Amino acid sequence: MLRILGRGGLARLACLVVAAAAASTAHSRIPPVSRFGQGEGFVPRPEQARLSSLGFAALVADYHWLHAVQIVGGEKGRTEQHAPLLGRLLDVVTALDPWVGHPYRFGALWLTDSVESVRFANRLLARGIAYHPRDWRNRHYLGFNHFYYLGDEARAAEILAPAVTLPGAPAYLGPLVAKLRLGHGDLDATEVFVAQLARDTDDEYKRAEYLKELDEIAVERWARSLEAARAEHRRRTGRDLSSVEDLVRGPKRVLSALPPAHPHFGGFAWELDPETGAIVSSFYGSRYELHVHPFDRARRESWRAGAGEGAG
């Protein structure tokens, strides 16, 4: 048998035996029963997990990943109580095997119970971006977290902007960045950004979305001019508008004519929004801005207030 193998065959056989022994040792260190419910203390730090993996980092990462999935799958609407444990598990998974994909976005979906959890998920997503720079999805989740949970629109736009031209990025991403960039009312810069996207893209569907966005920006510009005329109407008459047409009628009218309610389509008018009182085009029914549900806005404010008290 030894003669048949030869020196090269013996060397390969020896390597196979060593690898099998190492794999057996690594498997023996993984408990056969899930430790779900025993708290988060058992999860090793990433550097400890790497040292104890004996070169089988991906195998150990898979074990911790399955544990994280098991935690979420075994709960019914109470995953927030396990957020610290999930965070530590995903930290180990993505540190041992940073080229994985879904665990980064898994963290973004489930680590949303507090500002601390969201920031932890953001650190994981930043790692995912470093290892998958051409994948738009990690940037999408990171930008969403900054806008939706942390209320930082400028940072969200900064993160999302490079993703607009990445392969597979959805057509709505460019318009979303445009609205995030709107910030404190810089409509000119937003218009330049969207116009550049329309010129640069080779995707006709995306170009159509960008052109529709430019139409909405034009309507917003007219709406702002009407709001300025509204202020002049108040000064002249001492009262607010009963309808937008008040701007063009009566002895104290402010304008000779109203601008169109859409740059291309007729049959639409300017209205006073019954909830906000703002002047809006009936074509859109709202102003050109990001809309946040009152519940989400209240949550962001409470998180900010809590962070401020903690800082004190």
C-alpha atoms as a PDB file:
ATOM      1  CA  MET A   1       0.000   0.000   0.000  1.00  0.00           C
ATOM      2  CA  LEU A   2       2.795   2.421   0.935  1.00  0.00           C
ATOM      3  CA  ARG A   3       4.619   1.588  -2.305  1.00  0.00           C
ATOM      4  CA  ILE A   4       1.447   2.302  -4.310  1.00  0.00           C
ATOM      5  CA  LEU A   5       0.979   5.716  -2.649  1.00  0.00           C
ATOM      6  CA  GLY A   6       4.537   6.881  -3.015  1.00  0.00           C
ATOM      7  CA  ARG A   7       5.987   9.929  -1.246  1.00  0.00           C
ATOM      8  CA  GLY A   8       3.552  12.388  -2.814  1.00  0.00           C
ATOM      9  CA  GLY A   9       0.575  10.217  -1.934  1.00  0.00           C
ATOM     10  CA  LEU A  10       1.797   9.797   1.646  1.00  0.00           C
ATOM     11  CA  ALA A  11       2.097  13.542   2.017  1.00  0.00           C
ATOM     12  CA  ARG A  12      -1.438  14.061   0.777  1.00  0.00           C
ATOM     13  CA  LEU A  13      -2.720  11.307   3.055  1.00  0.00           C
ATOM     14  CA  ALA A  14      -0.994  12.896   6.050  1.00  0.00           C
ATOM     15  CA  CYS A  15      -2.571  16.276   5.230  1.00  0.00           C
ATOM     16  CA  LEU A  16      -5.976  14.611   4.950  1.00  0.00           C
ATOM     17  CA  VAL A  17      -5.590  12.954   8.365  1.00  0.00           C
ATOM     18  CA  VAL A  18      -4.551  16.243   9.982  1.00  0.00           C
ATOM     19  CA  ALA A  19      -7.472  18.100   8.369  1.00  0.00           C
ATOM     20  CA  ALA A  20      -9.921  15.430   9.497  1.00  0.00           C
ATOM     21  CA  ALA A  21      -8.581  15.609  13.053  1.00  0.00           C
ATOM     22  CA  ALA A  22      -8.867  19.398  13.073  1.00  0.00           C
ATOM     23  CA  ALA A  23     -12.408  19.234  11.746  1.00  0.00           C
ATOM     24  CA  SER A  24     -13.319  16.676  14.398  1.00  0.00           C
ATOM     25  CA  THR A  25     -11.891  18.931  17.104  1.00  0.00           C
ATOM     26  CA  ALA A  26     -13.807  21.948  15.769  1.00  0.00           C
ATOM     27  CA  HIS A  27     -17.050  19.967  15.655  1.00  0.00           C
ATOM     28  CA  SER A  28     -16.506  18.724  19.197  1.00  0.00           C
ATOM     29  CA  ARG A  29     -16.369  22.304  20.438  1.00  0.00           C
ATOM     30  CA  ILE A  30     -19.832  23.035  19.032  1.00  0.00           C
ATOM     31  CA  PRO A  31     -22.539  22.001  21.517  1.00  0.00           C
ATOM     32  CA  PRO A  32     -25.089  19.579  20.040  1.00  0.00           C
ATOM     33  CA  VAL A  33     -27.951  21.425  21.789  1.00  0.00           C
ATOM     34  CA  SER A  34     -28.759  25.079  21.149  1.00  0.00           C
ATOM     35  CA  ARG A  35     -27.924  27.425  24.004  1.00  0.00           C
ATOM     36  CA  PHE A  36     -30.894  29.618  23.219  1.00  0.00           C
ATOM     37  CA  GLY A  37     -32.230  31.096  26.421  1.00  0.00           C
ATOM     38  CA  GLN A  38     -28.917  30.923  28.316  1.00  0.00           C
ATOM     39  CA  GLY A  39     -28.205  34.618  27.824  1.00  0.00           C
ATOM     40  CA  GLU A  40     -25.516  36.287  25.772  1.00  0.00           C
ATOM     41  CA  GLY A  41     -22.485  35.591  27.957  1.00  0.00           C
ATOM     42  CA  PHE A  42     -21.508  32.437  26.089  1.00  0.00           C
ATOM     43  CA  VAL A  43     -20.953  34.239  22.761  1.00  0.00           C
ATOM     44  CA  PRO A  44     -17.194  34.702  22.324  1.00  0.00           C
ATOM     45  CA  ARG A  45     -15.618  37.898  21.137  1.00  0.00           C
ATOM     46  CA  PRO A  46     -14.775  37.731  17.426  1.00  0.00           C
ATOM     47  CA  GLU A  47     -11.035  37.480  18.060  1.00  0.00           C
ATOM     48  CA  GLN A  48     -11.569  34.638  20.545  1.00  0.00           C
ATOM     49  CA  ALA A  49     -13.827  32.814  18.109  1.00  0.00           C
ATOM     50  CA  ARG A  50     -11.224  33.107  15.380  1.00  0.00           C
ATOM     51  CA  LEU A  51      -8.447  31.703  17.570  1.00  0.00           C
ATOM     52  CA  SER A  52     -10.559  28.756  18.681  1.00  0.00           C
ATOM     53  CA  SER A  53     -11.811  27.951  15.179  1.00  0.00           C
ATOM     54  CA  LEU A  54      -8.537  26.169  14.267  1.00  0.00           C
ATOM     55  CA  GLY A  55      -8.728  27.473  10.726  1.00  0.00           C
ATOM     56  CA  PHE A  56     -12.389  26.596  10.288  1.00  0.00           C
ATOM     57  CA  ALA A  57     -13.697  30.139  10.739  1.00  0.00           C
ATOM     58  CA  ALA A  58     -16.493  29.707   8.187  1.00  0.00           C
ATOM     59  CA  LEU A  59     -17.758  26.606  10.001  1.00  0.00           C
ATOM     60  CA  VAL A  60     -17.875  28.412  13.337  1.00  0.00           C
ATOM     61  CA  ALA A  61     -19.511  31.419  11.665  1.00  0.00           C
ATOM     62  CA  ASP A  62     -22.223  29.137  10.271  1.00  0.00           C
ATOM     63  CA  TYR A  63     -22.917  27.776  13.752  1.00  0.00           C
ATOM     64  CA  HIS A  64     -23.443  31.258  15.230  1.00  0.00           C
ATOM     65  CA  TRP A  65     -25.504  32.280  12.204  1.00  0.00           C
ATOM     66  CA  LEU A  66     -27.850  29.324  12.667  1.00  0.00           C
ATOM     67  CA  HIS A  67     -28.159  30.263  16.319  1.00  0.00           C
ATOM     68  CA  ALA A  68     -29.196  33.822  15.397  1.00  0.00           C
ATOM     69  CA  VAL A  69     -31.784  32.533  12.920  1.00  0.00           C
ATOM     70  CA  GLN A  70     -33.097  30.110  15.541  1.00  0.00           C
ATOM     71  CA  ILE A  71     -33.607  32.910  18.035  1.00  0.00           C
ATOM     72  CA  VAL A  72     -35.669  34.982  15.619  1.00  0.00           C
ATOM     73  CA  GLY A  73     -37.587  31.981  14.332  1.00  0.00           C
ATOM     74  CA  GLY A  74     -38.469  30.843  17.843  1.00  0.00           C
ATOM     75  CA  GLU A  75     -39.942  34.170  18.920  1.00  0.00           C
ATOM     76  CA  LYS A  76     -43.336  35.718  18.218  1.00  0.00           C
ATOM     77  CA  GLY A  77     -43.004  39.478  18.228  1.00  0.00           C
ATOM     78  CA  ARG A  78     -40.539  39.611  21.156  1.00  0.00           C
ATOM     79  CA  THR A  79     -37.179  39.585  19.387  1.00  0.00           C
ATOM     80  CA  GLU A  80     -36.279  42.975  20.882  1.00  0.00           C
ATOM     81  CA  GLN A  81     -35.483  41.332  24.220  1.00  0.00           C
ATOM     82  CA  HIS A  82     -32.749  39.340  22.455  1.00  0.00           C
ATOM     83  CA  ALA A  83     -31.256  42.286  20.539  1.00  0.00           C
ATOM     84  CA  PRO A  84     -27.931  42.327  22.459  1.00  0.00           C
ATOM     85  CA  LEU A  85     -27.516  38.588  21.882  1.00  0.00           C
ATOM     86  CA  LEU A  86     -28.385  38.872  18.197  1.00  0.00           C
ATOM     87  CA  GLY A  87     -25.928  41.713  17.828  1.00  0.00           C
ATOM     88  CA  ARG A  88     -23.076  39.746  19.354  1.00  0.00           C
ATOM     89  CA  LEU A  89     -23.862  36.666  17.270  1.00  0.00           C
ATOM     90  CA  LEU A  90     -23.928  38.643  14.033  1.00  0.00           C
ATOM     91  CA  ASP A  91     -20.739  40.428  15.002  1.00  0.00           C
ATOM     92  CA  VAL A  92     -19.008  37.055  15.328  1.00  0.00           C
ATOM     93  CA  VAL A  93     -20.528  35.753  12.089  1.00  0.00           C
ATOM     94  CA  THR A  94     -19.457  38.721   9.982  1.00  0.00           C
ATOM     95  CA  ALA A  95     -16.042  38.991  11.620  1.00  0.00           C
ATOM     96  CA  LEU A  96     -15.207  35.330  11.016  1.00  0.00           C
ATOM     97  CA  ASP A  97     -16.671  35.263   7.505  1.00  0.00           C
ATOM     98  CA  PRO A  98     -16.990  38.889   6.315  1.00  0.00           C
ATOM     99  CA  TRP A  99     -17.798  37.827   2.730  1.00  0.00           C
ATOM    100  CA  VAL A 100     -21.226  36.545   3.774  1.00  0.00           C
ATOM    101  CA  GLY A 101     -24.194  38.519   2.483  1.00  0.00           C
ATOM    102  CA  HIS A 102     -27.515  38.099   4.229  1.00  0.00           C
ATOM    103  CA  PRO A 103     -26.384  38.374   7.905  1.00  0.00           C
ATOM    104  CA  TYR A 104     -25.590  42.079   7.431  1.00  0.00           C
ATOM    105  CA  ARG A 105     -29.124  42.826   6.277  1.00  0.00           C
ATOM    106  CA  PHE A 106     -30.588  40.407   8.811  1.00  0.00           C
ATOM    107  CA  GLY A 107     -29.126  42.641  11.513  1.00  0.00           C
ATOM    108  CA  ALA A 108     -30.598  45.735   9.861  1.00  0.00           C
ATOM    109  CA  LEU A 109     -34.049  44.135   9.930  1.00  0.00           C
ATOM    110  CA  TRP A 110     -34.036  42.877  13.509  1.00  0.00           C
ATOM    111  CA  LEU A 111     -31.819  45.318  15.430  1.00  0.00           C
ATOM    112  CA  THR A 112     -34.314  48.187  15.493  1.00  0.00           C
ATOM    113  CA  ASP A 113     -35.618  48.241  19.069  1.00  0.00           C
ATOM    114  CA  SER A 114     -33.456  51.139  20.266  1.00  0.00           C
ATOM    115  CA  VAL A 115     -30.987  53.703  19.026  1.00  0.00           C
ATOM    116  CA  GLU A 116     -28.160  51.562  20.410  1.00  0.00           C
ATOM    117  CA  SER A 117     -29.340  48.537  18.420  1.00  0.00           C
ATOM    118  CA  VAL A 118     -29.678  50.579  15.236  1.00  0.00           C
ATOM    119  CA  ARG A 119     -26.172  51.973  15.632  1.00  0.00           C
ATOM    120  CA  PHE A 120     -24.845  48.441  16.192  1.00  0.00           C
ATOM    121  CA  ALA A 121     -26.597  47.289  13.002  1.00  0.00           C
ATOM    122  CA  ASN A 122     -25.064  50.259  11.206  1.00  0.00           C
ATOM    123  CA  ARG A 123     -21.565  49.158  12.218  1.00  0.00           C
ATOM    124  CA  LEU A 124     -22.286  45.714  10.791  1.00  0.00           C
ATOM    125  CA  LEU A 125     -23.598  47.243   7.565  1.00  0.00           C
ATOM    126  CA  ALA A 126     -20.481  49.399   7.257  1.00  0.00           C
ATOM    127  CA  ARG A 127     -18.440  46.184   7.441  1.00  0.00           C
ATOM    128  CA  GLY A 128     -20.648  44.683   4.751  1.00  0.00           C
ATOM    129  CA  ILE A 129     -20.042  47.698   2.487  1.00  0.00           C
ATOM    130  CA  ALA A 130     -16.288  47.346   2.957  1.00  0.00           C
ATOM    131  CA  TYR A 131     -16.374  43.712   1.814  1.00  0.00           C
ATOM    132  CA  HIS A 132     -19.147  44.105  -0.793  1.00  0.00           C
ATOM    133  CA  PRO A 133     -18.601  47.587  -2.266  1.00  0.00           C
ATOM    134  CA  ARG A 134     -20.604  46.786  -5.421  1.00  0.00           C
ATOM    135  CA  ASP A 135     -23.709  45.577  -3.584  1.00  0.00           C
ATOM    136  CA  TRP A 136     -26.266  48.393  -3.328  1.00  0.00           C
ATOM    137  CA  ARG A 137     -28.351  46.645  -0.668  1.00  0.00           C
ATOM    138  CA  ASN A 138     -26.095  47.257   2.340  1.00  0.00           C
ATOM    139  CA  ARG A 139     -25.905  50.942   1.483  1.00  0.00           C
ATOM    140  CA  HIS A 140     -29.672  50.973   1.102  1.00  0.00           C
ATOM    141  CA  TYR A 141     -30.238  49.598   4.608  1.00  0.00           C
ATOM    142  CA  LEU A 142     -27.563  51.803   6.154  1.00  0.00           C
ATOM    143  CA  GLY A 143     -28.976  54.932   4.541  1.00  0.00           C
ATOM    144  CA  PHE A 144     -32.505  53.916   5.533  1.00  0.00           C
ATOM    145  CA  ASN A 145     -31.430  53.477   9.164  1.00  0.00           C
ATOM    146  CA  HIS A 146     -29.857  56.925   9.270  1.00  0.00           C
ATOM    147  CA  PHE A 147     -32.965  58.542   7.821  1.00  0.00           C
ATOM    148  CA  TYR A 148     -35.812  56.499   9.278  1.00  0.00           C
ATOM    149  CA  TYR A 149     -34.530  55.698  12.759  1.00  0.00           C
ATOM    150  CA  LEU A 150     -31.861  58.322  13.457  1.00  0.00           C
ATOM    151  CA  GLY A 151     -33.354  61.268  11.556  1.00  0.00           C
ATOM    152  CA  ASP A 152     -30.041  62.161   9.888  1.00  0.00           C
ATOM    153  CA  GLU A 153     -31.105  62.935   6.317  1.00  0.00           C
ATOM    154  CA  ALA A 154     -27.791  64.458   5.260  1.00  0.00           C
ATOM    155  CA  ARG A 155     -25.831  61.366   6.319  1.00  0.00           C
ATOM    156  CA  ALA A 156     -28.429  59.102   4.687  1.00  0.00           C
ATOM    157  CA  ALA A 157     -28.026  60.935   1.382  1.00  0.00           C
ATOM    158  CA  GLU A 158     -24.241  60.720   1.629  1.00  0.00           C
ATOM    159  CA  ILE A 159     -24.413  56.939   2.131  1.00  0.00           C
ATOM    160  CA  LEU A 160     -27.031  56.269  -0.545  1.00  0.00           C
ATOM    161  CA  ALA A 161     -25.687  58.472  -3.333  1.00  0.00           C
ATOM    162  CA  PRO A 162     -22.919  56.029  -4.444  1.00  0.00           C
ATOM    163  CA  ALA A 163     -25.476  53.203  -4.573  1.00  0.00           C
ATOM    164  CA  VAL A 164     -27.628  54.906  -7.228  1.00  0.00           C
ATOM    165  CA  THR A 165     -25.369  53.766 -10.085  1.00  0.00           C
ATOM    166  CA  LEU A 166     -24.497  50.316  -8.700  1.00  0.00           C
ATOM    167  CA  PRO A 167     -25.700  47.207 -10.576  1.00  0.00           C
ATOM    168  CA  GLY A 168     -29.276  46.269  -9.694  1.00  0.00           C
ATOM    169  CA  ALA A 169     -30.059  49.480  -7.804  1.00  0.00           C
ATOM    170  CA  PRO A 170     -33.796  50.248  -8.057  1.00  0.00           C
ATOM    171  CA  ALA A 171     -35.052  53.265  -9.998  1.00  0.00           C
ATOM    172  CA  TYR A 172     -36.541  54.902  -6.887  1.00  0.00           C
ATOM    173  CA  LEU A 173     -33.148  55.233  -5.216  1.00  0.00           C
ATOM    174  CA  GLY A 174     -32.100  58.355  -7.136  1.00  0.00           C
ATOM    175  CA  PRO A 175     -35.312  60.270  -6.342  1.00  0.00           C
ATOM    176  CA  LEU A 176     -35.005  59.206  -2.701  1.00  0.00           C
ATOM    177  CA  VAL A 177     -31.476  60.633  -2.504  1.00  0.00           C
ATOM    178  CA  ALA A 178     -32.757  63.805  -4.151  1.00  0.00           C
ATOM    179  CA  LYS A 179     -35.386  64.300  -1.454  1.00  0.00           C
ATOM    180  CA  LEU A 180     -32.890  63.506   1.283  1.00  0.00           C
ATOM    181  CA  ARG A 181     -30.548  66.112  -0.193  1.00  0.00           C
ATOM    182  CA  LEU A 182     -33.333  68.651  -0.149  1.00  0.00           C
ATOM    183  CA  GLY A 183     -32.356  69.213   3.463  1.00  0.00           C
ATOM    184  CA  HIS A 184     -33.112  72.753   4.498  1.00  0.00           C
ATOM    185  CA  GLY A 185     -34.769  73.748   1.235  1.00  0.00           C
ATOM    186  CA  ASP A 186     -31.917  73.726  -1.281  1.00  0.00           C
ATOM    187  CA  LEU A 187     -34.146  73.009  -4.266  1.00  0.00           C
ATOM    188  CA  ASP A 188     -31.590  74.213  -6.821  1.00  0.00           C
ATOM    189  CA  ALA A 189     -28.952  71.695  -5.719  1.00  0.00           C
ATOM    190  CA  THR A 190     -31.558  68.924  -5.708  1.00  0.00           C
ATOM    191  CA  GLU A 191     -32.637  69.799  -9.248  1.00  0.00           C
ATOM    192  CA  VAL A 192     -29.036  69.781 -10.487  1.00  0.00           C
ATOM    193  CA  PHE A 193     -28.469  66.366  -8.888  1.00  0.00           C
ATOM    194  CA  VAL A 194     -31.540  64.783 -10.500  1.00  0.00           C
ATOM    195  CA  ALA A 195     -30.832  66.361 -13.885  1.00  0.00           C
ATOM    196  CA  GLN A 196     -27.323  64.905 -13.783  1.00  0.00           C
ATOM    197  CA  LEU A 197     -28.729  61.456 -13.009  1.00  0.00           C
ATOM    198  CA  ALA A 198     -31.080  61.749 -15.979  1.00  0.00           C
ATOM    199  CA  ARG A 199     -28.216  62.689 -18.293  1.00  0.00           C
ATOM    200  CA  ASP A 200     -25.836  59.989 -17.095  1.00  0.00           C
ATOM    201  CA  THR A 201     -28.041  56.903 -16.983  1.00  0.00           C
ATOM    202  CA  ASP A 202     -28.380  54.458 -19.874  1.00  0.00           C
ATOM    203  CA  ASP A 203     -31.452  52.881 -18.290  1.00  0.00           C
ATOM    204  CA  GLU A 204     -34.572  54.295 -19.934  1.00  0.00           C
ATOM    205  CA  TYR A 205     -36.781  53.302 -16.992  1.00  0.00           C
ATOM    206  CA  LYS A 206     -34.539  55.151 -14.551  1.00  0.00           C
ATOM    207  CA  ARG A 207     -34.398  58.166 -16.860  1.00  0.00           C
ATOM    208  CA  ALA A 208     -38.199  58.254 -16.889  1.00  0.00           C
ATOM    209  CA  GLU A 209     -38.241  58.248 -13.074  1.00  0.00           C
ATOM    210  CA  TYR A 210     -35.718  61.078 -12.954  1.00  0.00           C
ATOM    211  CA  LEU A 211     -37.695  63.155 -15.461  1.00  0.00           C
ATOM    212  CA  LYS A 212     -40.847  62.673 -13.372  1.00  0.00           C
ATOM    213  CA  GLU A 213     -38.827  63.809 -10.365  1.00  0.00           C
ATOM    214  CA  LEU A 214     -37.811  66.966 -12.237  1.00  0.00           C
ATOM    215  CA  ASP A 215     -41.500  67.647 -12.926  1.00  0.00           C
ATOM    216  CA  GLU A 216     -42.255  67.359  -9.217  1.00  0.00           C
ATOM    217  CA  ILE A 217     -39.374  69.706  -8.408  1.00  0.00           C
ATOM    218  CA  ALA A 218     -40.786  72.260 -10.860  1.00  0.00           C
ATOM    219  CA  VAL A 219     -44.182  72.027  -9.168  1.00  0.00           C
ATOM    220  CA  GLU A 220     -42.544  72.461  -5.762  1.00  0.00           C
ATOM    221  CA  ARG A 221     -40.797  75.597  -7.018  1.00  0.00           C
ATOM    222  CA  TRP A 222     -44.171  77.036  -8.107  1.00  0.00           C
ATOM    223  CA  ALA A 223     -45.743  76.023  -4.784  1.00  0.00           C
ATOM    224  CA  ARG A 224     -43.053  77.939  -2.920  1.00  0.00           C
ATOM    225  CA  SER A 225     -43.679  81.014  -5.039  1.00  0.00           C
ATOM    226  CA  LEU A 226     -47.374  80.729  -4.200  1.00  0.00           C
ATOM    227  CA  GLU A 227     -46.564  80.486  -0.496  1.00  0.00           C
ATOM    228  CA  ALA A 228     -44.564  83.713  -0.832  1.00  0.00           C
ATOM    229  CA  ALA A 229     -47.563  85.319  -2.544  1.00  0.00           C
ATOM    230  CA  ARG A 230     -49.726  83.991   0.276  1.00  0.00           C
ATOM    231  CA  ALA A 231     -47.613  85.875   2.804  1.00  0.00           C
ATOM    232  CA  GLU A 232     -48.079  89.061   0.775  1.00  0.00           C
ATOM    233  CA  HIS A 233     -51.832  88.395   0.650  1.00  0.00           C
ATOM    234  CA  ARG A 234     -51.903  88.220   4.451  1.00  0.00           C
ATOM    235  CA  ARG A 235     -50.020  91.502   4.661  1.00  0.00           C
ATOM    236  CA  ARG A 236     -52.415  93.243   2.300  1.00  0.00           C
ATOM    237  CA  THR A 237     -55.706  91.862   3.597  1.00  0.00           C
ATOM    238  CA  GLY A 238     -54.964  90.853   7.174  1.00  0.00           C
ATOM    239  CA  ARG A 239     -56.310  87.357   6.643  1.00  0.00           C
ATOM    240  CA  ASP A 240     -55.240  83.988   5.214  1.00  0.00           C
ATOM    241  CA  LEU A 241     -56.415  82.424   1.968  1.00  0.00           C
ATOM    242  CA  SER A 242     -59.825  80.790   1.795  1.00  0.00           C
ATOM    243  CA  SER A 243     -58.682  79.261  -1.512  1.00  0.00           C
ATOM    244  CA  VAL A 244     -55.609  79.625  -3.691  1.00  0.00           C
ATOM    245  CA  GLU A 245     -57.672  81.582  -6.222  1.00  0.00           C
ATOM    246  CA  ASP A 246     -57.788  84.461  -3.692  1.00  0.00           C
ATOM    247  CA  LEU A 247     -54.284  85.308  -4.923  1.00  0.00           C
ATOM    248  CA  VAL A 248     -55.613  86.340  -8.348  1.00  0.00           C
ATOM    249  CA  ARG A 249     -58.964  87.960  -7.596  1.00  0.00           C
ATOM    250  CA  GLY A 250     -60.255  91.033  -5.811  1.00  0.00           C
ATOM    251  CA  PRO A 251     -58.875  94.561  -5.620  1.00  0.00           C
ATOM    252  CA  LYS A 252     -55.948  93.432  -3.482  1.00  0.00           C
ATOM    253  CA  ARG A 253     -54.931  90.453  -5.587  1.00  0.00           C
ATOM    254  CA  VAL A 254     -51.254  89.557  -5.440  1.00  0.00           C
ATOM    255  CA  LEU A 255     -50.843  87.714  -8.763  1.00  0.00           C
ATOM    256  CA  SER A 256     -52.249  88.238 -12.238  1.00  0.00           C
ATOM    257  CA  ALA A 257     -52.386  84.477 -12.888  1.00  0.00           C
ATOM    258  CA  LEU A 258     -51.596  81.190 -11.166  1.00  0.00           C
ATOM    259  CA  PRO A 259     -48.817  78.967 -12.491  1.00  0.00           C
ATOM    260  CA  PRO A 260     -49.811  75.552 -13.904  1.00  0.00           C
ATOM    261  CA  ALA A 261     -50.348  72.769 -11.380  1.00  0.00           C
ATOM    262  CA  HIS A 262     -48.235  70.459 -13.557  1.00  0.00           C
ATOM    263  CA  PRO A 263     -45.716  71.296 -16.291  1.00  0.00           C
ATOM    264  CA  HIS A 264     -47.252  68.900 -18.868  1.00  0.00           C
ATOM    265  CA  PHE A 265     -50.759  67.845 -17.858  1.00  0.00           C
ATOM    266  CA  GLY A 266     -53.758  70.151 -17.742  1.00  0.00           C
ATOM    267  CA  GLY A 267     -56.937  69.766 -15.731  1.00  0.00           C
ATOM    268  CA  PHE A 268     -55.259  70.065 -12.328  1.00  0.00           C
ATOM    269  CA  ALA A 269     -55.465  72.911  -9.812  1.00  0.00           C
ATOM    270  CA  TRP A 270     -53.837  74.383  -6.744  1.00  0.00           C
ATOM    271  CA  GLU A 271     -55.455  73.468  -3.416  1.00  0.00           C
ATOM    272  CA  LEU A 272     -55.058  74.041   0.303  1.00  0.00           C
ATOM    273  CA  ASP A 273     -54.148  70.764   1.986  1.00  0.00           C
ATOM    274  CA  PRO A 274     -56.964  70.107   4.515  1.00  0.00           C
ATOM    275  CA  GLU A 275     -54.525  68.665   7.075  1.00  0.00           C
ATOM    276  CA  THR A 276     -51.491  70.949   6.818  1.00  0.00           C
ATOM    277  CA  GLY A 277     -52.959  74.013   5.134  1.00  0.00           C
ATOM    278  CA  ALA A 278     -50.059  74.065   2.657  1.00  0.00           C
ATOM    279  CA  ILE A 279     -50.591  74.955  -0.986  1.00  0.00           C
ATOM    280  CA  VAL A 280     -50.392  71.760  -3.056  1.00  0.00           C
ATOM    281  CA  SER A 281     -51.003  70.669  -6.628  1.00  0.00           C
ATOM    282  CA  SER A 282     -54.009  68.397  -7.034  1.00  0.00           C
ATOM    283  CA  PHE A 283     -51.843  66.244  -9.306  1.00  0.00           C
ATOM    284  CA  TYR A 284     -49.584  65.242  -6.380  1.00  0.00           C
ATOM    285  CA  GLY A 285     -51.726  66.046  -3.349  1.00  0.00           C
ATOM    286  CA  SER A 286     -48.670  66.810  -1.209  1.00  0.00           C
ATOM    287  CA  ARG A 287     -45.472  68.819  -1.220  1.00  0.00           C
ATOM    288  CA  TYR A 288     -42.076  67.660  -2.458  1.00  0.00           C
ATOM    289  CA  GLU A 289     -40.602  66.303   0.755  1.00  0.00           C
ATOM    290  CA  LEU A 290     -39.972  63.101   2.647  1.00  0.00           C
ATOM    291  CA  HIS A 291     -43.003  61.969   4.591  1.00  0.00           C
ATOM    292  CA  VAL A 292     -42.527  60.374   8.002  1.00  0.00           C
ATOM    293  CA  HIS A 293     -45.416  58.790   9.878  1.00  0.00           C
ATOM    294  CA  PRO A 294     -46.208  60.603  13.166  1.00  0.00           C
ATOM    295  CA  PHE A 295     -45.511  57.389  15.122  1.00  0.00           C
ATOM    296  CA  ASP A 296     -42.023  57.103  13.651  1.00  0.00           C
ATOM    297  CA  ARG A 297     -41.342  60.788  14.152  1.00  0.00           C
ATOM    298  CA  ALA A 298     -42.376  60.520  17.823  1.00  0.00           C
ATOM    299  CA  ARG A 299     -40.098  57.509  18.303  1.00  0.00           C
ATOM    300  CA  ARG A 300     -37.123  59.343  16.838  1.00  0.00           C
ATOM    301  CA  GLU A 301     -37.771  62.305  19.107  1.00  0.00           C
ATOM    302  CA  SER A 302     -38.024  60.083  22.186  1.00  0.00           C
ATOM    303  CA  TRP A 303     -34.730  58.368  21.271  1.00  0.00           C
ATOM    304  CA  ARG A 304     -33.059  61.752  20.844  1.00  0.00           C
ATOM    305  CA  ALA A 305     -34.405  62.941  24.165  1.00  0.00           C
ATOM    306  CA  GLY A 306     -33.156  59.777  25.868  1.00  0.00           C
ATOM    307  CA  ALA A 307     -29.719  60.174  24.296  1.00  0.00           C
ATOM    308  CA  GLY A 308     -29.616  63.786  25.483  1.00  0.00           C
ATOM    309  CA  GLU A 309     -30.471  62.799  29.053  1.00  0.00           C
ATOM    310  CA  GLY A 310     -27.823  60.079  28.982  1.00  0.00           C
ATOM    311  CA  ALA A 311     -25.228  62.573  27.781  1.00  0.00           C
ATOM    312  CA  GLY A 312     -26.007  64.841  30.703  1.00  0.00           C
END
